[in-house]
Each structure stands twice: as structure tokens, then as C-alpha cells.
């Protein structure tokens, strides 16, 4: 059994230990991987009978409860045997909160933990509660995070839509959460360095991989075209022609035979046209052949045959080596491999240049993934999901990704009222920045000027944007009010600005304390071991510790835990969890801060309580900073 003194407290470990004790089972299961906090678990046979309390009203009398309805199913007439109660009272294991009392009430079996002991242990070592509960869970594992909104990245930020921006910010947030859990994260696609898009991402606080200007993926694209032509899922005619061409290149057969073959295929009208680039290569024609307006576009010909494909040819096809169209049967792949979650309309597909370019980007990102096991997590806007499914299946067909597991995280749409239905991400950021400045001027007057205020407004704008787009579950739509006359509140309880306001309040609190120390009003802060934590008796203090500091590590675990356990092609991750956590924490802290005077009168008999409260506030401040770092939002120290 693990020494209880060696590990941080965990809510899930406590719930499992209480469950095992109530059932009289072995408590060895308490060290297994944690379920989502507050949700019934199937890790214990018959489900989890215990629930964590979180409301101020219930926390006045209990911390955990096994409801009467559950007890009625576990014991005859719901009567809990005395030995079961004693077993609950004596639970102790790594990460398990110590129990002070276990009593039967009207609502069920109620457990109150030893709060002074918990305060002592947590406040002595609160930095260990600011990291994932399982910090090495991702070691040896890699995640290829593919933001499809940036594939074939637009030349200018003005071309990024609001939905694309939401998918991008979700990708950035997930990357940081997974890195904290020990995963090696490789981002795709790499973008040209010093480009306008990279500059825009830096304004958002997003650090994205880059490649030199003019860099090309031609070799990978040629390899992918070759793999697709030779696949068993490629329609027979294309596969045989591709194999013959490969043999010709290997044996060095002359161009005349290739020219005759191309002419024969064209005359036969077999539903496939040899590209103009191939004819040029086989005849030795130059690249300056004039097409003019007399040439019938290839796209029109394809549509007339029901192919609905893009125009073939062009410089990209010359460089990638795609000598002819390739059509693959995606429906057959889905059926033969029993793949679930794919669109039933997927069938025969004409491979497009953009799909192969996308695959080449994925291959490049995979080559950068320095891990033995790698999962490709595609973050895709809902309107692009069908195209992503095609890309996913083509990567499987090409077989160059090895046994990589692919998952799709679908992001709901973003709608806006105000600036227009096609408002760009750049316009949205500019509008929120202007509104933030106006709101600051209204609140603080003409002092809103200079570099320091510019930095504050920039951070507040980033917080407003990220919280607006990330506080909603990723699969749900988001609606934005972009009317110019609307304002961004600096104290709205659902706003990221409210979080930053309270972050600044905490920093100001410690600045005020230090100023008072210099004035000789307060003594220097004592060692943590000398703090009188028994002075922490206000209900808001236990709420901040029990609802936020202790569970934070398990909150950080959730994304990686879900990624490891998911089985379907679609995955749902709690990308909104950190934002909601921060808003809730800020509301409870604000309520406590407005009710309690932390820096009281400079009287010696009040110092012990003041220092205990300051230590708790220090933990809350560090918790806020750590959570904001997963969103790449720097903390504010004044406002």
C-alpha cells in the first residue's frame, strides 16, 4: 500500500476508497486511473455510491455523501452495518483524504473529512497541486495535432473565418494540456516563417511550427501518389496503368511507347483522361504550350461525366509526379475494415491535389513526432468534416502512417451578428480590442494611455476572445454579438475579463502586503510550517481549497485520459473545462474577497489568521496563473 504521506490528495482516489470500504472490498483499486470527478464510475462493481459535495450549503455539514437511494440498493432497507461505517472511517491510502466523521442523515451516509489536516498538507505543498495528477501518463506517447483550418493556409489573416479561429484556439489549448501530461506534441501544418498568418498567430499568443519560405513537400507528395496508385482500393484501371508506368520508369522504356499508350487511352474514352502534363513529358513538349480560351476545362469534362472533381494538372501536379487521375473506393475500405463513425455517403473518390498535399503535411508532422506510440488528433470545423474523413481514409489506404490511431474532434460553427455574416477572425480581434479600450476609458478615464495600458488591453482582449470561443463545449455552436455599439463588460461573471480582473486583484493584494511590511505595519511572512491553519474556519476558505486547488490536477488529466481510452473515430474532449473552472473559481474567490478582510488591522493577535489566509490566497493566485498558462494568457498584475 502506498504511504499516504507520499502523494497529493485526489478526489477520485478518495471516492474509490470510500466505495470499496462501504462494500467491504479491497482498497487496492484506489491507485488505478482516475475517473472524471463527480461522475458515477463503473471502475467499482455496481457503480460508485459516493458523490463529492461542492455547494456552500451542503459543505457546511458534509464533504461526501452516499445518497439514501443508493444505500437502499446496497443494503437491506438501506441500513448500513456498523462494520461498514467503521471501514469508511478508517480508510487511508495514497491520495485519500482523511475522514473525520461518518454519520447517517436523512439524505444518506455523510462523510466529513479532517479539514485542518487537509489544510495543513495542501498549503505546505500546494505547488504539487498545480500539475497533472498523473504527470507521466503521456511519457513515450505522442499526439499529432492537426488543425485542418490551417491546411492550405490562407495568404492573409483576413481569410480566416471565426469557425477557423475557434478550431485553432482549441488546438492550441489541447497542445498545452497534453504537453503538461508528458505527451510529445507535433503540430500540423507547418506554416511559412514570417508570413502574415504567423504574425497573426503571435498576436493571439499562439506559437506555431514554421518552415522556410518556398519550402516544398514534393518528394512526400510523389511518394503518396505512388502509394495510392498501387493500392488495392484504387480502381483497377488506374492501378494497372500506374503499375505499368512504374515498371517503365524502372526498365527505362522509351517515351514513344508511353505516348502511344496515352493516345490509346484517350481514344478509348474509358472515363479517364491522361493529363496534359503527361503528354508534354512523353512528347518532350515545353511547359509554355498555349491553352487559350478554346480549350475546354477539365473540370467541365469531369462534371459532365459525374466525377465532380477539380481541374487536374497545373504546376502542383507536375512537381508531385501525379501522372494521371487516381480514383479510390473509400466505401470498400470502410466496409472491409468495419470502421464506425464514417459518413455512409463515402464511396468512390477522385483523389485531389489538396488531399495529397494535406497527407504530405501529416507525414511531415508524423516524422517530427519523437514518440513510440502516436495518435493523430484532427481538429476540424463541422463544415469540413466530410473532407477530413476522406483524408483520413486516404492516409489509411496509402499505408505510410503505419499503425497510427486517428481521432476526429469536430468543432461546432461560430455565428455572428453585427459586422456581417462573413466577419473574419482579424476583424473580430480588432473589434474586441477597440471595445476593450473603450470600456477601460469609461471606467478609468484619461489615465488609460501609454505602453503599460496597451499591454493590459492586449491581455484583456486575448482573454475575452479565448473565453468567448472556448467556454462552450467544442461540439456546440457559438453565437457572437459583434455589433459595434455593444460593449465588453470588465466585470461580467461569464467573461474572461472577469477572470483577469480577479487575477489582478490577487496580485494587488500581495503588493499591498509587501508595501505594509516595508512600512513596518506587518511582520515578514513566516515559514509554512509555522502557519496556524486552524484559523481557516470561514466556509469560503474550504470551498476554494476543496473545489479548486485539490481537484485541479485531475482536471488537467482529463484530456489525455479520454484520448487514451476512446475507441471511436469521433472523440469528445472537455476543451471547455479549464475556462469554466476559471470562471467558477473567480466567482467564488470574488465572493470571499468581498466578504472577508484578508489584510486586517496590524494587531499581533490577528497576524496568525492573516498569514493563514494569505497562504491560501497565494495558492489561489498560483492556481489561476497555472490555469491561464494552458490558454496562453499571461497573468495581469495590475488593472
Foldseek 3Di string as FASTA:
>chain_A
DADQLPAAAAQQLQQQQLQCLQLVHDSPCSPDDGDDAQDWDPSDPPIGQKGADFDLVVLVPAGMFRFQVNLVVRDPVSDRDPSSLVSSQPDGDHNHFHWDHWDADPGGIGTHGPVLVNLLSCLQPLVVLLAASQLQPAAQEAEEEELPQCQVHDQALQQAFPLSVLLVLLSLLVVLLVVSSPHHYFYDDAAEPPGNVCVVCVLLLGDGHHDHPPDDLQAQLLLLLLLLLCFPQWPPVSVVVSVVVVVCVVVVDALVVVLVVQVVCVVVPPLWHFDPLLNCVSVVNDPPDDPPPVHDFPCVVCVVVVQNDDGDDDPLCNSNVNGTKIKGFLLVVCVVVVAPDADNPRTIHTDDSSLSSRLSSVLVSLVVRPHDAYEYEYREEPVCVNVVVVSVSSNVRSCPSPPHHAAYEYFYEEAEPAPDRRGGPVNQLVLLLVLLLVQCCVVPNPVCDDDVNVVVSSLQSSQQSSLQSQLDFRHDYGYYYRHSPDHDDCCPLSGSSVLLVLLQVLLVVVVVVVVCVVVVLAPDQDNSVPADLVLPDDSLLVSLVSVASSHSSNVSCQQVVQVVPDDHNYGGGNSNVLSVSSSVSSVSVVVVPVVDDLDDGSDVVCVRSSSSVNSSSVSVSVSSQSSVVSSSRHHDNHD
